Amino acid sequence: MTWLKSIFTNNSNHEMEQEQLLYQLRQAQNETMEMGTLLSQVTSGQVDSQQVQQLDQLNDSVGGFLQRLRQRIDREIK
């Protein structure tokens, strides 16, 4: 009976990980769109230091997500 429970637990954990990954993917997509808006403002000369700082934070966030995604893909492949 324990092995059956572990199958459901593992599936549940796997599904939860997938949901978290999908949420993070949507978040990264939204942040990328926001980065595009900020970059448009930079190129038009309508930028201040706060916007540059925000752009840097968004870049770090999206980059971090992509790094975690790559690590997960590498784990799945092995």
Foldseek 3Di string as FASTA:
>chain_A
DVVVVVVVVVVVVVVVVVVVLVVLVVVLVVLVVVLVVLVVCVVVVNDDPVSVVSNVVSVVSNVVSVVVVVVVVVVVVD
